[in-house]
Protein backbone atom coordinates (compact mmCIF):
# COMPACT_ATOMS: atom_id res chain seq x y z
CA MET A 1 -13.20 -15.86 25.61
CA LEU A 2 -11.99 -12.55 24.65
CA ARG A 3 -14.91 -10.65 23.41
CA ILE A 4 -14.74 -7.11 21.54
CA SER A 5 -18.14 -5.06 22.16
CA GLU A 6 -19.29 -1.69 20.04
CA SER A 7 -18.56 0.24 23.45
CA ASN A 8 -14.78 -1.26 23.29
CA LEU A 9 -14.22 0.57 19.90
CA LYS A 10 -12.98 3.90 19.76
CA PHE A 11 -13.45 6.42 16.59
CA ASN A 12 -12.04 9.28 15.43
CA GLN A 13 -8.87 8.88 18.16
CA SER A 14 -5.74 10.10 16.66
CA VAL A 15 -2.83 8.45 18.42
CA LYS A 16 0.22 10.96 19.55
CA THR A 17 2.89 8.55 21.27
CA THR A 18 2.84 5.08 22.42
CA GLU A 19 5.56 3.69 24.66
CA PHE A 20 6.43 0.75 26.56
CA ASP A 21 6.11 1.40 30.48
CA ARG A 22 8.83 -1.04 31.83
CA ILE A 23 8.14 -0.29 35.59
CA LYS A 24 4.52 -1.06 35.30
CA GLY A 25 4.78 -3.61 32.32
CA VAL A 26 2.36 -2.07 30.37
CA TRP A 27 2.04 -0.10 26.65
CA ARG A 28 0.71 3.73 27.42
CA VAL A 29 -1.49 4.91 24.43
CA GLN A 30 -1.51 8.91 24.46
CA THR A 31 -3.98 10.13 22.05
CA GLU A 32 -5.47 13.71 21.80
CA GLU A 33 -7.98 13.31 24.62
CA LEU A 34 -6.81 10.11 26.58
CA GLU A 35 -4.02 8.12 27.55
CA TYR A 36 -4.69 4.15 27.59
CA HIS A 37 -2.89 1.14 29.35
CA SER A 38 -2.56 -2.22 28.13
CA ARG A 39 -0.51 -5.20 28.61
CA TRP A 40 -0.58 -6.06 25.03
CA LEU A 41 -0.75 -3.55 21.75
CA ILE A 42 -1.31 -4.77 18.15
CA VAL A 43 -0.31 -2.51 15.64
CA ALA A 44 -2.74 -2.61 12.59
CA THR A 45 -1.92 0.47 10.91
CA GLY A 46 -0.64 -1.29 7.97
CA GLU A 47 2.34 -0.62 5.34
CA ASN A 48 0.35 1.68 3.55
CA ALA A 49 -0.72 4.45 6.08
CA GLU A 50 0.18 7.71 4.72
CA PRO A 51 0.78 8.98 1.38
CA VAL A 52 4.33 8.87 -0.24
CA ILE A 53 5.17 12.53 -1.50
CA PRO A 54 8.44 12.45 -3.73
CA ASP A 55 10.98 14.91 -3.72
CA ILE A 56 11.00 16.38 -6.91
CA ALA A 57 12.59 20.01 -7.62
CA GLY A 58 10.15 22.79 -8.45
CA TYR A 59 7.11 21.97 -6.47
CA GLU A 60 6.82 25.27 -5.10
CA LYS A 61 7.15 27.22 -8.74
CA PHE A 62 3.69 25.30 -10.47
CA ARG A 63 0.86 27.71 -10.65
CA GLY A 64 -1.50 24.47 -11.52
CA THR A 65 -3.06 22.10 -8.92
CA ILE A 66 -1.09 19.06 -7.16
CA LEU A 67 -2.71 16.44 -5.58
CA HIS A 68 -1.92 12.97 -4.19
CA THR A 69 -4.60 10.25 -5.26
CA SER A 70 -5.83 9.91 -1.88
CA GLU A 71 -7.32 13.04 -2.44
CA TYR A 72 -8.50 12.37 -6.14
CA LYS A 73 -12.30 11.97 -6.33
CA SER A 74 -13.21 12.36 -9.99
CA GLY A 75 -11.78 13.16 -13.42
CA SER A 76 -15.19 15.58 -13.81
CA LYS A 77 -13.10 18.91 -12.52
CA PHE A 78 -10.01 17.96 -14.86
CA LYS A 79 -11.87 18.14 -17.84
CA ASN A 80 -10.35 19.52 -20.91
CA GLN A 81 -7.20 19.43 -18.84
CA ARG A 82 -3.42 18.39 -19.37
CA VAL A 83 -3.01 16.37 -16.55
CA LEU A 84 0.40 14.56 -15.39
CA VAL A 85 0.10 11.55 -13.65
CA ILE A 86 2.88 10.70 -11.85
CA GLY A 87 3.35 6.73 -11.08
CA CYS A 88 1.88 3.94 -13.00
CA GLY A 89 0.85 1.59 -10.33
CA ASN A 90 -2.94 0.19 -10.32
CA SER A 91 -3.94 4.04 -8.72
CA GLY A 92 -1.79 5.88 -11.72
CA MET A 93 -3.62 3.57 -14.29
CA GLU A 94 -6.94 3.68 -12.79
CA VAL A 95 -6.75 7.52 -12.50
CA SER A 96 -5.19 7.89 -16.05
CA LEU A 97 -8.29 6.03 -17.10
CA ASP A 98 -10.91 7.85 -15.15
CA LEU A 99 -9.54 11.24 -16.75
CA CYS A 100 -9.87 9.73 -20.31
CA ARG A 101 -13.14 9.14 -19.55
CA HIS A 102 -14.00 12.78 -18.27
CA ASN A 103 -12.60 14.12 -21.65
CA ALA A 104 -9.24 15.14 -20.15
CA ILE A 105 -5.54 14.78 -21.59
CA PRO A 106 -3.86 12.36 -19.30
CA HIS A 107 0.19 11.72 -19.58
CA MET A 108 1.45 9.11 -17.14
CA VAL A 109 4.86 8.91 -15.60
CA VAL A 110 6.69 5.23 -15.81
CA ARG A 111 9.77 5.83 -14.31
CA ASN A 112 10.71 1.78 -13.68
CA THR A 113 9.37 -1.52 -15.01
CA VAL A 114 6.17 -2.90 -14.26
CA HIS A 115 3.92 -5.87 -14.48
CA VAL A 116 0.52 -5.27 -16.25
CA LEU A 117 -1.57 -8.66 -16.00
CA PRO A 118 -5.01 -8.63 -17.03
CA ARG A 119 -7.59 -8.50 -14.38
CA GLU A 120 -9.58 -11.83 -15.05
CA MET A 121 -8.33 -14.84 -17.19
CA PHE A 122 -10.93 -17.62 -18.39
CA GLY A 123 -13.80 -15.23 -16.29
CA MET A 124 -11.91 -15.70 -13.00
CA SER A 125 -9.91 -13.46 -11.01
CA THR A 126 -6.21 -13.49 -11.87
CA PHE A 127 -4.88 -13.19 -8.42
CA GLY A 128 -7.27 -16.24 -7.27
CA ILE A 129 -5.88 -18.30 -10.06
CA ALA A 130 -2.68 -17.43 -8.89
CA MET A 131 -3.41 -18.15 -5.30
CA ALA A 132 -5.11 -21.28 -6.54
CA LEU A 133 -2.25 -22.52 -8.81
CA LEU A 134 0.39 -21.61 -5.45
CA LYS A 135 -1.08 -24.62 -3.88
CA TRP A 136 -0.03 -27.20 -6.22
CA LEU A 137 2.77 -25.72 -8.08
CA PRO A 138 6.27 -23.88 -7.40
CA LEU A 139 6.47 -20.24 -7.74
CA ARG A 140 8.09 -19.46 -10.61
CA TRP A 141 6.04 -21.88 -12.28
CA VAL A 142 3.04 -19.83 -11.65
CA ASP A 143 4.65 -16.82 -12.55
CA LYS A 144 5.81 -17.87 -15.81
CA PHE A 145 2.20 -19.39 -16.77
CA LEU A 146 0.55 -15.73 -15.68
CA LEU A 147 3.31 -13.72 -17.83
CA LEU A 148 2.32 -16.52 -20.58
CA LEU A 149 -1.15 -15.87 -20.31
CA ALA A 150 -0.63 -11.96 -20.17
CA SER A 151 1.19 -12.06 -23.17
CA PHE A 152 -1.07 -13.65 -25.25
CA ILE A 153 -4.28 -11.42 -23.91
CA LEU A 154 -2.35 -8.05 -23.49
CA GLY A 155 0.32 -8.35 -25.97
CA ASN A 156 3.88 -7.18 -25.46
CA THR A 157 3.78 -4.33 -23.28
CA ASP A 158 7.39 -3.64 -23.59
CA GLN A 159 6.71 -1.80 -26.87
CA LEU A 160 4.34 0.78 -25.24
CA GLY A 161 6.76 1.90 -22.85
CA LEU A 162 6.02 -0.37 -20.11
CA LYS A 163 8.85 -2.98 -19.56
CA ARG A 164 8.50 -6.01 -17.64
CA PRO A 165 10.71 -6.73 -14.62
CA LYS A 166 13.12 -9.61 -14.78
CA THR A 167 11.46 -10.97 -11.77
CA GLY A 168 8.30 -12.63 -11.96
CA PRO A 169 5.32 -10.68 -10.97
CA ILE A 170 4.05 -13.08 -7.69
CA GLU A 171 7.87 -13.22 -6.60
CA LEU A 172 8.10 -9.45 -7.21
CA LYS A 173 5.32 -8.62 -4.74
CA ASN A 174 6.48 -11.33 -1.96
CA VAL A 175 10.09 -10.17 -1.81
CA THR A 176 9.12 -6.20 -2.51
CA GLY A 177 5.64 -5.94 -1.61
CA LYS A 178 5.40 -4.07 -5.42
CA THR A 179 1.75 -5.29 -6.54
CA PRO A 180 1.27 -6.01 -9.98
CA VAL A 181 -1.09 -3.74 -12.38
CA LEU A 182 -4.38 -5.43 -12.73
CA ASP A 183 -5.70 -4.09 -16.03
CA VAL A 184 -8.76 -2.43 -16.09
CA GLY A 185 -8.94 -0.75 -19.44
CA ALA A 186 -5.81 1.57 -19.09
CA LEU A 187 -4.01 -0.51 -21.53
CA SER A 188 -6.26 0.13 -24.47
CA GLN A 189 -6.11 4.01 -23.77
CA ILE A 190 -2.29 3.69 -23.93
CA LYS A 191 -2.38 1.60 -27.05
CA SER A 192 -4.60 4.12 -28.85
CA GLY A 193 -2.33 6.96 -27.36
CA LYS A 194 -4.91 8.72 -25.58
CA ILE A 195 -2.92 8.20 -22.13
CA LYS A 196 0.67 9.41 -23.23
CA VAL A 197 3.62 7.47 -21.51
CA MET A 198 6.26 9.71 -20.16
CA GLU A 199 9.75 9.01 -18.82
CA GLY A 200 11.12 10.09 -15.53
CA VAL A 201 10.23 13.72 -14.25
CA LYS A 202 13.31 16.07 -13.75
CA GLU A 203 11.95 19.15 -12.75
CA ILE A 204 8.45 21.01 -12.25
CA THR A 205 8.45 24.26 -13.66
CA ARG A 206 5.87 26.92 -13.41
CA SER A 207 3.48 26.01 -16.16
CA GLY A 208 4.45 22.06 -16.62
CA VAL A 209 7.48 19.55 -16.40
CA LYS A 210 11.00 18.83 -17.54
CA PHE A 211 11.17 14.95 -18.46
CA MET A 212 14.40 13.18 -18.34
CA ASP A 213 14.71 12.51 -22.12
CA GLY A 214 14.95 16.19 -22.55
CA GLN A 215 11.03 17.03 -23.32
CA GLU A 216 9.15 19.73 -21.82
CA LYS A 217 5.01 19.62 -21.63
CA LYS A 218 2.66 22.16 -20.26
CA PHE A 219 -0.13 20.94 -17.96
CA GLU A 220 -2.62 22.31 -15.55
CA SER A 221 -2.63 19.75 -12.98
CA ILE A 222 -0.24 16.83 -11.58
CA ILE A 223 -1.48 14.09 -9.60
CA LEU A 224 0.61 12.02 -7.37
CA ALA A 225 0.23 8.11 -7.84
CA THR A 226 3.10 7.84 -5.90
CA GLY A 227 1.82 5.12 -3.31
CA TYR A 228 1.64 5.13 0.61
CA LYS A 229 4.19 4.18 3.12
CA SER A 230 4.13 2.76 6.82
CA ASN A 231 3.86 5.75 9.41
CA VAL A 232 4.67 3.88 12.71
CA PRO A 233 8.17 5.85 13.75
CA THR A 234 6.12 8.74 14.13
CA TRP A 235 4.28 7.71 16.97
CA LEU A 236 5.95 4.39 18.45
CA LYS A 237 8.62 5.32 20.63
CA GLY A 238 11.56 3.49 22.29
CA CYS A 239 10.97 0.28 19.82
CA ASP A 240 13.45 -0.96 18.23
CA PHE A 241 11.40 -3.79 16.56
CA PHE A 242 10.35 -1.62 13.75
CA THR A 243 12.82 -0.42 11.00
CA LYS A 244 13.51 3.47 9.81
CA ASP A 245 10.82 2.78 7.17
CA GLY A 246 8.54 1.69 9.85
CA MET A 247 7.94 -2.06 8.93
CA PRO A 248 8.72 -4.62 11.26
CA ALA A 249 12.84 -6.01 11.47
CA PRO A 250 12.34 -9.64 11.41
CA PRO A 251 11.24 -10.68 7.96
CA PHE A 252 8.27 -12.76 6.77
CA PRO A 253 7.00 -15.01 8.43
CA ASP A 254 8.29 -13.77 11.72
CA GLY A 255 7.36 -10.16 11.78
CA TRP A 256 4.09 -10.52 13.35
CA LYS A 257 5.30 -10.87 17.09
CA GLY A 258 7.56 -8.24 19.18
CA GLY A 259 8.62 -8.12 23.03
CA ASN A 260 6.75 -7.06 25.93
CA GLY A 261 3.47 -8.02 24.29
CA LEU A 262 3.71 -6.10 20.89
CA TYR A 263 2.17 -7.59 17.85
CA THR A 264 1.67 -6.36 14.24
CA VAL A 265 -0.73 -7.19 11.69
CA GLY A 266 -0.46 -6.05 7.70
CA PHE A 267 3.07 -5.52 7.13
CA THR A 268 3.84 -8.89 5.26
CA ARG A 269 3.92 -7.05 2.13
CA ARG A 270 1.51 -10.20 1.10
CA GLY A 271 -1.72 -8.58 0.84
CA LEU A 272 -4.71 -9.81 2.81
CA LEU A 273 -3.17 -13.39 2.83
CA GLY A 274 -0.12 -12.24 4.99
CA THR A 275 -2.84 -10.11 7.16
CA ALA A 276 -4.99 -13.18 7.52
CA SER A 277 -2.13 -15.25 8.50
CA ASP A 278 -0.57 -12.89 10.94
CA ALA A 279 -4.05 -11.88 12.68
CA VAL A 280 -4.38 -15.84 13.20
CA LYS A 281 -1.20 -16.04 14.93
CA ILE A 282 -2.13 -13.31 16.86
CA ALA A 283 -5.29 -14.38 18.26
CA ARG A 284 -4.08 -17.86 19.26
CA ASP A 285 -1.04 -16.42 21.10
CA ILE A 286 -3.10 -13.60 23.07
CA GLY A 287 -5.78 -15.96 23.39
CA ASP A 288 -3.22 -18.66 24.99
CA GLN A 289 -1.89 -16.24 27.36
CA TRP A 290 -5.62 -14.99 28.32
CA LYS A 291 -6.62 -18.45 29.33
CA THR A 292 -3.37 -18.86 31.40
CA ILE A 293 -4.27 -15.59 33.02
CA MET A 294 -7.63 -16.43 33.77
CA GLU A 295 -6.41 -19.75 35.13
CA ASN A 296 -4.38 -18.09 37.68
CA SER A 297 -6.52 -15.46 38.76
CA LYS A 298 -10.29 -15.04 39.84
CA SER A 299 -10.52 -11.63 38.19
CA CYS A 300 -8.88 -10.03 35.20
CA ASP A 301 -8.63 -6.33 33.78
CA SER A 302 -6.09 -6.88 30.83
CA HIS A 303 -6.89 -5.13 27.94
CA VAL A 304 -5.67 -5.33 24.02
CA ILE A 305 -5.08 -2.03 22.28
CA ILE A 306 -5.55 -3.01 18.74
CA LEU A 307 -4.20 0.45 16.69
CA GLY A 308 -5.87 0.82 13.30
CA ARG A 309 -6.83 3.19 10.57
CA SER A 310 -9.80 4.26 8.36
CA TRP A 311 -9.78 6.26 5.63
């Protein structure tokens, strides 16, 4: 049996490069301090490893504060400020709501279509209900059920500038990885006008922003709720298993295992359920190999390197 002790865990280790040594048949992982060798490598840095910073004209001109939601702590420092939140996913919605609660004046950019669902239905988690229904019903039926209830509970979000995609929320998540927004109170603030919905940004100016619809407004701060991306291509070298976007090339459910002892977990675009599925397959596969090695050798010094991250 494979066991992980506390002494095996190495914290605050930044990986510089990782490459498979074809002569020795091991993975070489170079950190700032040491080089590790391993028969197996599990890439667990996930699809959301580092912030996405959009390329918008005029960044350097702006005299106020620009920060990504990964740096956002509280709306208290933005009290009485006009703040532009670029992005309308879960982070963008929650930051806009928090800004409202701290007496800021948030404007939220909604560039694309978005599914907004109630956080709970019938006193239960919306996603919990969806996962339970998927065990018995086709995905499209579940999507139709969610949208019907969302329309009844939240109303027509299109009228608020939050147009829904034609593809259902769960199907869209499975295909693109785009997670539906679970409303925690932001929608009521949009309806009341306290959160103002804006179209896409054309350009950032010294004191504000020009929008695609021709409007121009002044802001003291800009918050980028523009999501995250994989950073695998920056440190994994000589490996064509990952695309240039840092995702496994084989589509789900075949992206968990590459060649030469390479495994990936957390790249399914299916949340914790996909991660759990990967983890079970990887554990079984390495466990079977380990058992074979132990049966054929009285001693073994093989190791597994798991590359993950913490915030």
